Protein backbone atom coordinates (compact mmCIF):
# COMPACT_ATOMS: atom_id res chain seq x y z
CA MET A 1 -5.97 43.80 -26.65
CA ARG A 2 -8.95 43.20 -28.94
CA TRP A 3 -9.75 39.79 -30.39
CA GLN A 4 -9.25 39.69 -34.15
CA LYS A 5 -12.36 38.66 -36.00
CA LEU A 6 -11.84 35.40 -37.85
CA PRO A 7 -12.83 35.20 -41.50
CA ALA A 8 -15.51 32.53 -41.08
CA SER A 9 -17.44 30.93 -38.30
CA PRO A 10 -16.61 27.31 -37.58
CA PRO A 11 -19.49 24.90 -37.14
CA ALA A 12 -21.09 24.75 -33.74
CA ALA A 13 -19.36 22.43 -31.28
CA PRO A 14 -21.02 19.04 -30.96
CA ALA A 15 -22.96 18.23 -27.85
CA ASN A 16 -20.71 16.92 -25.15
CA ILE A 17 -22.39 13.52 -25.02
CA ALA A 18 -21.86 12.93 -28.73
CA CYS A 19 -18.28 14.20 -28.49
CA ILE A 20 -17.35 11.83 -25.67
CA ALA A 21 -19.11 8.90 -27.36
CA LYS A 22 -17.09 9.52 -30.51
CA LEU A 23 -13.82 9.58 -28.54
CA ARG A 24 -14.71 6.30 -26.89
CA ALA A 25 -15.52 4.72 -30.24
CA ILE A 26 -12.09 5.69 -31.58
CA THR A 27 -10.13 3.85 -28.88
CA MET A 28 -12.50 1.22 -27.57
CA THR A 29 -11.45 -2.43 -27.62
CA THR A 30 -14.27 -4.45 -29.16
CA THR A 31 -12.99 -7.97 -28.51
CA ASP A 32 -14.99 -9.62 -25.76
CA LEU A 33 -13.40 -10.29 -22.41
CA PRO A 34 -13.71 -13.79 -20.95
CA TRP A 35 -16.23 -12.99 -18.23
CA PRO A 36 -19.89 -14.05 -17.90
CA SER A 37 -20.81 -10.45 -17.12
CA ASN A 38 -19.18 -9.15 -20.29
CA THR A 39 -22.44 -8.97 -22.26
CA ALA A 40 -24.18 -7.03 -19.51
CA LEU A 41 -21.20 -4.72 -19.13
CA ARG A 42 -21.17 -4.03 -22.87
CA ALA A 43 -24.84 -3.09 -22.66
CA HIS A 44 -24.17 -0.81 -19.69
CA ALA A 45 -21.29 0.84 -21.55
CA LYS A 46 -23.56 1.49 -24.54
CA ARG A 47 -26.22 2.97 -22.25
CA HIS A 48 -23.61 5.17 -20.55
CA GLU A 49 -22.93 6.91 -23.85
CA GLN A 50 -26.10 8.88 -23.11
CA LEU A 51 -25.35 9.55 -19.43
CA GLN A 52 -23.67 12.57 -17.86
CA VAL A 53 -21.87 12.54 -14.53
CA SER A 54 -23.22 16.00 -13.73
CA GLU A 55 -26.78 14.70 -14.09
CA LEU A 56 -26.02 11.67 -11.92
CA LEU A 57 -24.73 14.02 -9.22
CA SER A 58 -27.67 16.43 -9.44
CA ALA A 59 -30.24 13.61 -9.44
CA ASP A 60 -28.83 11.98 -6.30
CA ARG A 61 -27.42 14.23 -3.60
CA GLY A 62 -26.37 11.13 -1.71
CA ARG A 63 -24.15 9.93 -4.56
CA PRO A 64 -20.85 11.20 -3.02
CA ALA A 65 -21.61 9.15 0.11
CA ASP A 66 -22.67 6.10 -1.89
CA PHE A 67 -19.76 6.16 -4.31
CA HIS A 68 -17.21 6.31 -1.52
CA CYS A 69 -14.82 3.98 0.33
CA HIS A 70 -12.78 4.47 3.51
CA ALA A 71 -9.74 2.41 4.51
CA ALA A 72 -6.69 2.89 6.74
CA GLY A 73 -7.14 6.67 6.91
CA ILE A 74 -7.67 7.05 3.14
CA ASP A 75 -10.95 8.15 1.56
CA LEU A 76 -11.89 7.42 -2.04
CA ASP A 77 -14.59 9.55 -3.70
CA TYR A 78 -15.46 8.06 -7.08
CA SER A 79 -18.78 9.85 -7.50
CA ARG A 80 -17.34 11.70 -10.54
CA GLN A 81 -16.81 8.45 -12.45
CA LEU A 82 -19.16 7.89 -15.40
CA LEU A 83 -20.74 4.91 -13.67
CA ASP A 84 -24.22 4.35 -12.32
CA VAL A 85 -25.45 1.84 -9.75
CA PRO A 86 -26.51 -0.97 -12.15
CA ALA A 87 -23.17 -0.82 -13.97
CA ARG A 88 -21.31 -0.85 -10.66
CA GLU A 89 -23.24 -3.96 -9.61
CA ALA A 90 -22.28 -5.67 -12.86
CA LEU A 91 -18.64 -4.82 -12.28
CA ILE A 92 -18.73 -6.11 -8.72
CA ALA A 93 -20.16 -9.38 -10.06
CA LEU A 94 -16.79 -9.96 -11.72
CA VAL A 95 -15.21 -10.45 -8.29
CA ALA A 96 -17.22 -13.62 -7.70
CA GLU A 97 -17.12 -14.74 -11.33
CA THR A 98 -13.33 -14.71 -11.40
CA ASP A 99 -12.92 -16.00 -7.82
CA LEU A 100 -10.79 -13.04 -6.85
CA ALA A 101 -11.14 -13.95 -3.16
CA SER A 102 -9.29 -17.25 -3.65
CA ALA A 103 -6.51 -15.57 -5.61
CA ARG A 104 -6.17 -12.96 -2.87
CA GLU A 105 -5.88 -15.64 -0.18
CA ALA A 106 -3.32 -17.53 -2.24
CA MET A 107 -1.13 -14.43 -2.31
CA PHE A 108 -1.40 -13.78 1.44
CA GLU A 109 -0.80 -17.47 2.24
CA GLY A 110 2.39 -17.70 0.17
CA ALA A 111 1.31 -19.78 -2.82
CA SER A 112 3.53 -19.53 -5.92
CA ILE A 113 1.19 -17.24 -7.80
CA ASN A 114 4.08 -15.90 -9.88
CA HIS A 115 3.85 -19.08 -11.90
CA THR A 116 6.33 -18.19 -14.66
CA GLU A 117 9.11 -17.84 -12.08
CA GLN A 118 7.73 -20.36 -9.57
CA ARG A 119 7.74 -17.79 -6.79
CA ALA A 120 5.49 -16.74 -3.99
CA VAL A 121 4.51 -13.07 -3.75
CA LEU A 122 4.97 -12.05 -0.12
CA HIS A 123 5.52 -8.31 0.10
CA THR A 124 2.52 -8.25 2.46
CA LEU A 125 4.43 -10.49 4.88
CA LEU A 126 7.10 -7.78 5.17
CA ARG A 127 4.62 -5.57 7.04
CA ALA A 128 2.55 -8.27 8.77
CA GLN A 129 2.23 -8.31 12.55
CA THR A 130 1.80 -12.09 12.72
CA PRO A 131 2.56 -14.74 10.09
CA PRO A 132 0.24 -17.26 8.46
CA SER A 133 0.80 -20.72 9.91
CA GLY A 134 2.91 -21.91 6.98
CA LEU A 135 5.19 -18.87 6.87
CA THR A 136 6.70 -18.76 10.36
CA THR A 137 10.24 -19.29 9.08
CA GLU A 138 9.98 -16.46 6.55
CA PHE A 139 8.40 -14.21 9.17
CA ALA A 140 11.25 -14.88 11.61
CA GLU A 141 13.80 -14.02 8.90
CA ILE A 142 11.98 -10.77 8.19
CA GLN A 143 11.96 -9.80 11.85
CA GLN A 144 15.68 -10.54 12.16
CA CYS A 145 16.40 -8.46 9.08
CA LEU A 146 14.32 -5.61 10.47
CA GLN A 147 16.21 -5.75 13.79
CA ASP A 148 19.56 -5.67 11.98
CA GLN A 149 18.38 -2.75 9.87
CA GLN A 150 17.24 -0.86 12.94
CA ALA A 151 20.57 -1.48 14.67
CA TRP A 152 22.44 0.01 11.72
CA VAL A 153 20.14 3.04 11.61
CA ASP A 154 20.67 3.63 15.32
CA ALA A 155 24.44 3.22 15.03
CA VAL A 156 24.74 5.67 12.15
CA ASN A 157 22.25 8.23 13.48
CA SER A 158 23.90 8.23 16.91
CA GLY A 159 27.38 8.70 15.45
CA GLN A 160 28.56 5.35 16.80
CA HIS A 161 29.42 4.15 13.29
CA ARG A 162 32.17 6.34 11.84
CA GLY A 163 34.15 6.69 8.66
CA PHE A 164 37.82 6.43 7.81
CA GLU A 165 38.58 9.81 9.42
CA ASP A 166 36.65 8.84 12.57
CA GLN A 167 33.86 11.28 11.72
CA PRO A 168 30.14 10.47 11.95
CA MET A 169 28.23 9.97 8.74
CA THR A 170 26.29 12.92 7.34
CA ASP A 171 25.06 11.56 3.99
CA ILE A 172 23.56 8.32 2.68
CA VAL A 173 23.70 7.46 -1.03
CA ASN A 174 21.39 4.69 -2.22
CA ILE A 175 22.62 3.04 -5.43
CA GLY A 176 20.05 0.87 -7.19
CA ILE A 177 17.70 0.97 -10.14
CA GLY A 178 14.07 0.15 -10.85
CA GLY A 179 12.38 -1.08 -7.70
CA SER A 180 15.59 -0.56 -5.73
CA ASP A 181 15.38 3.15 -6.50
CA LEU A 182 11.88 4.32 -7.43
CA GLY A 183 10.10 3.27 -4.26
CA PRO A 184 12.67 4.43 -1.68
CA ARG A 185 13.33 7.65 -3.60
CA MET A 186 9.61 8.46 -3.77
CA VAL A 187 9.02 7.72 -0.09
CA VAL A 188 12.04 9.68 1.13
CA GLN A 189 10.90 12.72 -0.85
CA ALA A 190 7.27 12.31 0.21
CA LEU A 191 8.19 12.22 3.89
CA THR A 192 10.52 15.23 3.82
CA PRO A 193 8.80 16.79 6.88
CA TYR A 194 9.87 13.71 8.88
CA HIS A 195 13.55 13.75 7.95
CA GLN A 196 16.10 13.52 10.73
CA GLN A 197 19.74 14.58 10.60
CA LEU A 198 21.05 12.40 7.76
CA GLN A 199 20.80 13.60 4.18
CA VAL A 200 19.72 10.79 1.83
CA HIS A 201 20.54 10.81 -1.89
CA PHE A 202 19.78 8.44 -4.77
CA CYS A 203 21.65 7.37 -7.87
CA ALA A 204 20.17 5.02 -10.48
CA ASN A 205 21.12 6.07 -14.01
CA ILE A 206 24.26 4.58 -15.55
CA ASP A 207 24.79 8.00 -17.13
CA PRO A 208 27.91 9.28 -15.29
CA ALA A 209 26.23 12.63 -14.77
CA ASP A 210 23.85 11.11 -12.22
CA LEU A 211 26.48 9.87 -9.77
CA ASP A 212 28.90 12.70 -10.52
CA THR A 213 26.25 15.28 -9.67
CA THR A 214 25.28 13.42 -6.51
CA LEU A 215 28.85 13.17 -5.24
CA SER A 216 29.94 16.66 -6.23
CA THR A 217 28.92 18.23 -2.90
CA LEU A 218 29.62 15.26 -0.61
CA ASN A 219 32.57 14.44 1.64
CA PRO A 220 33.96 10.92 1.19
CA ALA A 221 34.87 10.75 4.87
CA THR A 222 31.24 11.19 5.94
CA THR A 223 29.33 9.41 3.15
CA LEU A 224 27.77 5.95 3.49
CA PHE A 225 26.64 3.99 0.42
CA ILE A 226 23.88 1.38 0.18
CA ILE A 227 24.18 -0.90 -2.85
CA CYS A 228 20.80 -2.48 -3.61
CA SER A 229 20.96 -5.43 -6.01
CA LYS A 230 19.39 -8.81 -5.24
CA THR A 231 21.87 -10.74 -7.40
CA PHE A 232 24.63 -8.12 -7.26
CA SER A 233 24.79 -8.33 -11.05
CA THR A 234 22.62 -5.45 -12.31
CA GLU A 235 24.85 -3.55 -14.74
CA GLU A 236 23.75 -0.01 -13.92
CA THR A 237 24.01 -0.59 -10.18
CA LEU A 238 27.41 -2.31 -10.30
CA GLN A 239 28.89 0.33 -12.59
CA ASN A 240 27.76 3.10 -10.27
CA ALA A 241 28.90 1.16 -7.19
CA ALA A 242 32.36 0.69 -8.70
CA ALA A 243 32.57 4.39 -9.52
CA ALA A 244 31.50 5.25 -5.96
CA ARG A 245 34.21 2.96 -4.58
CA ARG A 246 36.86 4.63 -6.76
CA TRP A 247 35.66 8.03 -5.52
CA LEU A 248 35.95 6.88 -1.91
CA LEU A 249 39.38 5.24 -2.30
CA ALA A 250 40.76 8.33 -4.02
CA ALA A 251 40.36 10.04 -0.63
CA ALA A 252 40.73 7.14 1.82
CA PRO A 253 44.16 5.99 2.97
CA ASP A 254 43.38 2.26 2.72
CA PRO A 255 41.03 -0.11 0.80
CA SER A 256 39.65 -1.24 4.16
CA ALA A 257 37.62 2.00 4.14
CA VAL A 258 35.13 0.24 1.84
CA ALA A 259 33.92 -1.77 4.83
CA GLN A 260 33.27 1.43 6.76
CA HIS A 261 31.46 3.22 3.97
CA PHE A 262 29.47 0.56 2.08
CA LEU A 263 26.37 -1.45 2.95
CA ALA A 264 24.55 -3.84 0.63
CA VAL A 265 21.15 -5.41 0.14
CA SER A 266 21.74 -8.65 -1.73
CA THR A 267 21.63 -12.44 -1.64
CA ASN A 268 24.97 -12.85 -3.46
CA LEU A 269 27.35 -12.74 -0.50
CA ASP A 270 30.34 -13.93 -2.55
CA ALA A 271 30.06 -11.05 -5.03
CA VAL A 272 29.46 -8.59 -2.22
CA ALA A 273 32.55 -9.82 -0.35
CA GLU A 274 34.63 -9.58 -3.53
CA PHE A 275 33.53 -5.94 -3.80
CA GLY A 276 34.91 -5.38 -0.28
CA ILE A 277 31.71 -5.30 1.77
CA PRO A 278 31.77 -7.64 4.81
CA ALA A 279 28.84 -9.94 5.56
CA ASP A 280 27.92 -7.93 8.67
CA ASN A 281 27.16 -4.99 6.36
CA VAL A 282 24.69 -6.95 4.23
CA LEU A 283 20.93 -7.40 4.60
CA PRO A 284 19.02 -10.04 2.59
CA LEU A 285 16.39 -9.69 -0.12
CA TRP A 286 14.35 -12.81 -0.77
CA ASN A 287 13.25 -13.99 -4.20
CA TRP A 288 9.60 -13.73 -3.16
CA VAL A 289 9.95 -9.94 -2.98
CA GLY A 290 9.50 -8.38 -6.40
CA GLY A 291 11.58 -5.29 -7.03
CA ARG A 292 8.64 -2.94 -7.45
CA TYR A 293 7.18 -4.24 -4.17
CA SER A 294 10.46 -4.12 -2.23
CA LEU A 295 10.49 -0.79 -0.40
CA TRP A 296 9.05 -2.56 2.67
CA SER A 297 12.14 -4.78 2.84
CA ALA A 298 15.79 -3.92 3.42
CA VAL A 299 15.58 -2.02 0.12
CA GLY A 300 13.86 0.56 2.32
CA TRP A 301 17.02 0.96 4.41
CA SER A 302 17.48 4.46 2.99
CA ILE A 303 13.93 5.32 4.10
CA ALA A 304 14.72 4.28 7.67
CA PHE A 305 17.93 6.34 7.61
CA ALA A 306 15.91 9.35 6.45
CA ILE A 307 12.91 9.20 8.81
CA GLY A 308 14.20 6.97 11.60
CA ASN A 309 13.12 3.55 12.79
CA ALA A 310 9.89 4.80 14.35
CA GLY A 311 8.85 6.46 11.10
CA PHE A 312 9.65 3.32 9.10
CA LYS A 313 7.49 1.25 11.45
CA GLN A 314 4.61 3.66 10.89
CA LEU A 315 5.05 3.29 7.13
CA LEU A 316 4.77 -0.48 7.54
CA ALA A 317 1.77 -0.09 9.84
CA GLY A 318 -0.11 1.99 7.27
CA ALA A 319 0.47 -0.65 4.61
CA GLN A 320 -0.56 -3.42 7.00
CA ALA A 321 -3.80 -1.59 7.78
CA MET A 322 -4.59 -1.45 4.06
CA ASP A 323 -3.71 -5.15 3.78
CA GLU A 324 -6.28 -5.97 6.44
CA HIS A 325 -8.92 -3.87 4.71
CA PHE A 326 -8.20 -5.51 1.36
CA ARG A 327 -8.26 -9.01 2.78
CA ASN A 328 -11.38 -8.72 4.94
CA THR A 329 -13.74 -6.13 3.41
CA PRO A 330 -16.60 -7.09 1.06
CA ALA A 331 -16.04 -6.14 -2.57
CA ALA A 332 -18.62 -3.34 -2.66
CA ASP A 333 -16.69 -1.42 0.00
CA ASN A 334 -13.20 -2.71 -0.76
CA MET A 335 -11.11 0.22 -1.95
CA PRO A 336 -8.44 -1.66 -3.97
CA ILE A 337 -11.11 -3.78 -5.64
CA ILE A 338 -13.25 -0.76 -6.50
CA MET A 339 -10.26 1.08 -7.98
CA SER A 340 -9.36 -1.98 -10.05
CA LEU A 341 -12.93 -2.30 -11.34
CA LEU A 342 -12.88 1.38 -12.28
CA GLU A 343 -9.67 0.78 -14.22
CA LEU A 344 -11.24 -2.11 -16.13
CA TRP A 345 -14.41 -0.10 -16.74
CA SER A 346 -12.32 2.65 -18.28
CA VAL A 347 -9.87 0.51 -20.28
CA ASN A 348 -12.15 -2.24 -21.56
CA TYR A 349 -15.58 -0.60 -21.74
CA GLN A 350 -15.01 3.13 -22.21
CA GLY A 351 -11.94 3.30 -24.43
CA GLY A 352 -9.53 4.76 -21.89
CA SER A 353 -5.94 3.98 -22.92
CA ASN A 354 -4.20 5.99 -20.23
CA GLN A 355 -4.53 7.06 -16.60
CA ALA A 356 -3.29 10.23 -14.94
CA VAL A 357 -2.32 10.40 -11.28
CA ILE A 358 -2.09 13.96 -10.01
CA PRO A 359 -1.02 14.43 -6.38
CA TYR A 360 -1.82 17.84 -4.95
CA ASP A 361 1.18 17.72 -2.65
CA HIS A 362 4.66 18.84 -3.69
CA HIS A 363 6.36 16.08 -1.71
CA LEU A 364 4.44 13.43 -3.71
CA GLY A 365 6.02 14.60 -6.94
CA ARG A 366 7.72 11.23 -7.54
CA LEU A 367 4.56 9.19 -6.95
CA PRO A 368 3.51 9.02 -10.64
CA ALA A 369 6.95 7.68 -11.62
CA PHE A 370 6.74 5.03 -8.90
CA LEU A 371 3.24 4.03 -9.97
CA GLN A 372 4.35 3.83 -13.60
CA GLN A 373 6.59 0.91 -12.74
CA LEU A 374 4.07 -0.65 -10.38
CA SER A 375 1.29 -0.59 -12.98
CA MET A 376 2.99 -0.88 -16.35
CA GLU A 377 5.71 -3.37 -15.41
CA SER A 378 3.13 -5.48 -13.60
CA ASN A 379 0.24 -5.44 -16.07
CA GLY A 380 1.81 -4.36 -19.35
CA LYS A 381 1.35 -7.91 -20.64
CA ARG A 382 0.14 -9.40 -23.93
CA VAL A 383 -0.46 -13.04 -22.97
CA THR A 384 -2.73 -14.63 -20.40
CA ASN A 385 -1.58 -16.94 -17.64
CA ASP A 386 -1.74 -19.92 -20.01
CA GLY A 387 0.34 -18.15 -22.69
CA THR A 388 -2.55 -17.25 -24.99
CA THR A 389 -2.40 -13.84 -26.67
CA VAL A 390 -4.93 -11.51 -25.08
CA GLY A 391 -7.68 -10.15 -27.28
CA TYR A 392 -8.32 -7.08 -25.16
CA ALA A 393 -6.49 -4.12 -23.68
CA THR A 394 -4.54 -4.55 -20.44
CA ALA A 395 -2.63 -1.91 -18.47
CA PRO A 396 -3.18 1.71 -19.50
CA VAL A 397 -0.31 4.14 -19.85
CA LEU A 398 0.08 5.78 -16.44
CA TRP A 399 1.50 9.26 -16.10
CA GLY A 400 1.12 12.41 -14.05
CA GLU A 401 2.63 15.39 -12.30
CA GLU A 402 2.12 17.20 -9.07
CA GLY A 403 -0.71 19.74 -8.93
CA SER A 404 -1.01 22.58 -9.54
CA ASN A 405 1.96 22.51 -11.95
CA GLY A 406 0.12 20.20 -14.31
CA GLN A 407 -2.70 22.71 -14.68
CA HIS A 408 -0.29 24.88 -16.65
CA SER A 409 0.85 22.10 -18.96
CA PHE A 410 -1.18 18.95 -19.67
CA HIS A 411 -4.57 19.85 -18.16
CA GLN A 412 -5.37 21.42 -21.53
CA LEU A 413 -5.42 17.88 -22.96
CA LEU A 414 -7.47 16.57 -20.03
CA HIS A 415 -10.22 19.11 -20.62
CA GLN A 416 -10.26 19.59 -24.40
CA GLY A 417 -8.02 16.91 -25.91
CA THR A 418 -9.06 13.98 -28.04
CA LEU A 419 -7.78 11.35 -25.59
CA LEU A 420 -10.00 10.10 -22.81
CA CYS A 421 -7.90 10.16 -19.67
CA PRO A 422 -9.39 9.28 -16.26
CA VAL A 423 -7.68 11.02 -13.36
CA ASP A 424 -6.84 10.06 -9.81
CA PHE A 425 -6.47 13.24 -7.77
CA ILE A 426 -4.59 12.72 -4.49
CA LEU A 427 -5.10 15.35 -1.82
CA PRO A 428 -3.82 15.59 1.76
CA LEU A 429 -6.38 17.82 3.49
CA THR A 430 -3.90 19.55 5.80
CA SER A 431 -0.35 20.66 5.16
CA HIS A 432 2.88 20.42 7.13
CA SER A 433 3.49 24.04 6.16
CA ASP A 434 2.49 26.93 8.39
CA ASP A 435 1.25 28.83 5.34
CA LYS A 436 -2.37 27.69 5.56
CA ASP A 437 -3.62 30.26 3.06
CA ARG A 438 -1.56 28.92 0.18
CA HIS A 439 -2.52 25.36 1.05
CA ARG A 440 -6.18 26.41 1.08
CA ARG A 441 -5.72 27.71 -2.45
CA LEU A 442 -4.05 24.43 -3.47
CA VAL A 443 -7.02 22.46 -2.14
CA ALA A 444 -9.37 24.78 -4.02
CA HIS A 445 -7.49 24.07 -7.27
CA CYS A 446 -7.80 20.31 -6.77
CA ILE A 447 -11.53 20.43 -6.05
CA ALA A 448 -12.13 22.80 -8.97
CA GLN A 449 -10.27 20.59 -11.44
CA GLY A 450 -12.52 17.66 -10.58
CA GLN A 451 -15.62 19.76 -11.07
CA ALA A 452 -14.33 21.16 -14.36
CA LEU A 453 -13.71 17.66 -15.73
CA THR A 454 -17.27 16.70 -14.82
CA GLN A 455 -19.15 19.89 -15.59
CA GLY A 456 -17.41 21.21 -18.67
CA ARG A 457 -18.73 24.31 -20.47
CA ASP A 458 -21.17 24.33 -23.37
CA LEU A 459 -21.29 26.68 -26.35
CA GLN A 460 -23.73 29.17 -24.85
CA ALA A 461 -21.80 29.39 -21.57
CA SER A 462 -18.61 29.95 -23.55
CA GLU A 463 -20.17 32.77 -25.54
CA ASP A 464 -21.60 34.34 -22.39
CA SER A 465 -18.19 34.17 -20.72
CA LEU A 466 -16.56 36.03 -23.59
CA ILE A 467 -19.24 38.72 -23.59
CA GLN A 468 -18.74 39.19 -19.84
CA ARG A 469 -15.07 39.82 -20.55
CA GLY A 470 -16.00 42.61 -22.92
CA THR A 471 -15.75 40.75 -26.23
CA PRO A 472 -18.23 42.05 -28.83
CA GLN A 473 -21.07 39.63 -29.46
CA ASP A 474 -20.18 38.82 -33.06
CA GLU A 475 -16.59 38.05 -32.09
CA ALA A 476 -17.76 36.06 -29.08
CA LYS A 477 -19.87 33.86 -31.33
CA VAL A 478 -16.85 33.08 -33.50
CA LEU A 479 -14.52 32.40 -30.58
CA ALA A 480 -16.94 30.52 -28.36
CA PRO A 481 -16.30 27.02 -29.84
CA HIS A 482 -12.67 27.32 -28.77
CA LEU A 483 -13.78 27.71 -25.15
CA VAL A 484 -16.15 24.73 -25.14
CA ILE A 485 -15.11 21.98 -22.74
CA PRO A 486 -17.06 18.76 -23.23
CA GLY A 487 -16.94 17.70 -19.58
CA ASN A 488 -18.31 14.31 -18.58
CA ARG A 489 -14.77 13.00 -18.06
CA SER A 490 -14.18 10.61 -15.20
CA CYS A 491 -12.04 11.25 -12.16
CA SER A 492 -11.66 10.04 -8.60
CA THR A 493 -10.28 11.84 -5.56
CA LEU A 494 -8.25 10.18 -2.83
CA THR A 495 -7.86 12.17 0.38
CA CYS A 496 -6.05 11.69 3.68
CA GLN A 497 -5.94 14.03 6.63
CA GLN A 498 -2.20 14.63 6.30
CA LEU A 499 0.66 12.96 4.45
CA THR A 500 2.17 10.97 7.33
CA PRO A 501 4.26 7.78 7.14
CA HIS A 502 1.13 5.79 8.04
CA ALA A 503 -0.98 7.47 5.36
CA LEU A 504 1.71 7.02 2.72
CA GLY A 505 2.10 3.35 3.58
CA ALA A 506 -1.63 2.84 3.19
CA LEU A 507 -1.68 4.74 -0.13
CA ILE A 508 1.14 2.68 -1.64
CA ALA A 509 -0.42 -0.62 -0.50
CA LEU A 510 -3.73 0.52 -2.00
CA TYR A 511 -2.18 0.85 -5.46
CA GLU A 512 -0.28 -2.43 -5.01
CA HIS A 513 -3.51 -4.32 -4.34
CA LYS A 514 -5.34 -2.51 -7.12
CA THR A 515 -2.61 -3.68 -9.51
CA PHE A 516 -2.94 -7.27 -8.28
CA CYS A 517 -6.72 -7.21 -8.76
CA SER A 518 -6.48 -5.85 -12.29
CA GLY A 519 -3.92 -8.47 -13.24
CA HIS A 520 -6.19 -11.19 -11.90
CA LEU A 521 -9.23 -9.88 -13.76
CA TRP A 522 -7.23 -9.62 -16.99
CA GLN A 523 -5.95 -13.18 -16.39
CA ILE A 524 -2.30 -12.14 -16.61
CA ASN A 525 0.69 -12.53 -14.29
CA ALA A 526 1.22 -9.21 -12.55
CA PHE A 527 4.47 -10.30 -10.90
CA ASP A 528 6.95 -11.12 -13.67
CA GLN A 529 8.59 -8.72 -16.13
CA TRP A 530 10.03 -10.68 -19.02
CA GLY A 531 9.58 -7.73 -21.34
CA VAL A 532 12.60 -5.93 -19.90
CA GLU A 533 15.02 -8.79 -20.64
CA LEU A 534 15.55 -8.50 -24.41
CA GLY A 535 16.87 -4.96 -24.23
CA LYS A 536 19.39 -6.02 -21.58
CA GLU A 537 20.59 -8.91 -23.72
CA LEU A 538 20.99 -6.75 -26.82
CA SER A 539 22.77 -4.08 -24.78
CA ALA A 540 25.48 -6.61 -23.99
CA ASN A 541 25.90 -7.30 -27.72
CA VAL A 542 26.14 -3.59 -28.50
CA SER A 543 28.61 -3.00 -25.68
CA GLU A 544 30.85 -5.81 -26.91
CA ALA A 545 30.75 -4.43 -30.44
CA MET A 546 31.67 -0.96 -29.15
CA GLN A 547 34.80 -2.46 -27.60
CA GLY A 548 35.85 -4.14 -30.84
CA GLY A 549 34.27 -7.50 -30.10
CA THR A 550 32.60 -9.84 -32.52
CA SER A 551 28.97 -9.15 -31.62
CA SER A 552 28.47 -6.56 -34.34
CA GLY A 553 27.00 -9.28 -36.54
CA ALA A 554 24.13 -9.59 -34.08
CA LEU A 555 23.13 -5.97 -34.70
CA ASP A 556 20.57 -4.98 -37.29
CA THR A 557 21.43 -2.36 -39.88
CA ALA A 558 19.94 0.54 -37.92
CA ALA A 559 21.88 -0.40 -34.78
CA GLN A 560 25.05 -0.83 -36.82
CA ALA A 561 24.59 2.61 -38.38
CA LEU A 562 24.19 4.23 -34.97
CA LEU A 563 27.26 2.39 -33.71
CA GLU A 564 29.29 3.67 -36.65
CA ARG A 565 28.06 7.19 -35.97
CA TRP A 566 29.18 6.86 -32.35
CA GLN A 567 32.62 5.64 -33.47
CA GLN A 568 33.22 8.65 -35.69
CA PRO A 569 35.67 11.18 -34.19
């Protein structure tokens, strides 16, 4: 098919440096941040408008080794970030200026750094090998919980624990939402090659289709449910749990079957007992474990059922190895700190409003969704720790998809769109599959995408490419601007040798600590989530009005109109 000649030639594409500078100017936050290094960083950002990553790479063949971190089996190559050595030094200066080290120690030592809820933040203690001196009681409780969890996993996997028809369990259904779903669901999918005999399923959405679809192929006599709700009051979880109980009792001869087929992770033993779950079937979840950091706790029960106790211990060990790196490594080589500084460099000095995470591993397909909650629920804040409205951007919008699927959808925007979007590529270097050729091609795609973001393609190269395809020269000149790719767009690549439980644990902990560092540098509380409360409160009003209650007066006119539309036959 021949290209149709267009009626007029568009103007030549702007130089890539000018194009990127213009995009940054559109979205860049100009309000100063409260750091002594801010002035220097602003000057570096202005100077970087004239820099190109490709030139930084060609001028220094040692750059990939210099712009590199290694920790807990994970390698970070950030040599494709639009960042030179002086700017990096200015960023690292923020670590001392903001006393990040003291904040880090406060977290590990159990201080109440979640000051709006007066809570410690101790997800790191869940995977610690030894406790800090002031946390021996909490550590002992964790170890007891872990032993009880392991005993249940052994009993179910061995067939010792049986259902109401005296059959061994074949399926586990985890019912939770938010942190009680996203983390365990992501990990169970990611570690598919390590699954044992039990099939593990997840239900979170209050939409009946979610649970109905999950249960449609299961046998009540061989299904075990885990209800994850710290307070045992989360509406979506309790509604789904009640529906699951009805499904079970429609097949079971006696209500006592609930005790054989339901486990719970909760602190509300009275509500759990009223549901029909005995205390021996319940594991605790402490208030110093935030939901989005809870997969290391009993919330990860479903993970242990899927990959076994040994696999779960390896997951914890990988996270603990990253904890040790984060706690003890100088800032210049500290992977979570470097990733946090790159995030701030992008958001506050280069106009980046979003961040893509693209794992080149099919089993990591749920990782972007998990990281959305981790990042945006943690740092999607508008006031500082003292309640003052921030005058600068905080958390970027995080999104992504597994590679190479994304190449055939949103990579168009990454390469030619008007949004600046830094990318984290995540790449296991070896596959669990025996098809090494296809995995080699997958790796090639990942490497090539990073180079394409950096290198781009100018107007002359675009025209030459068209001519090489057989396009007449006059047509090639008209079409060439449409093929121009500005390049000079930042990305990092995280690699591990293989996606094992240990490697996944380290990867998750890496992003947890990055999130903590960014929250500290932005002077916000990364561990509360008050923004989700209003919608829950209003939902109760709407629900009451739908049932003929008196809350309709609390609805605005738009909500009332939608309610009336719903009520129409």
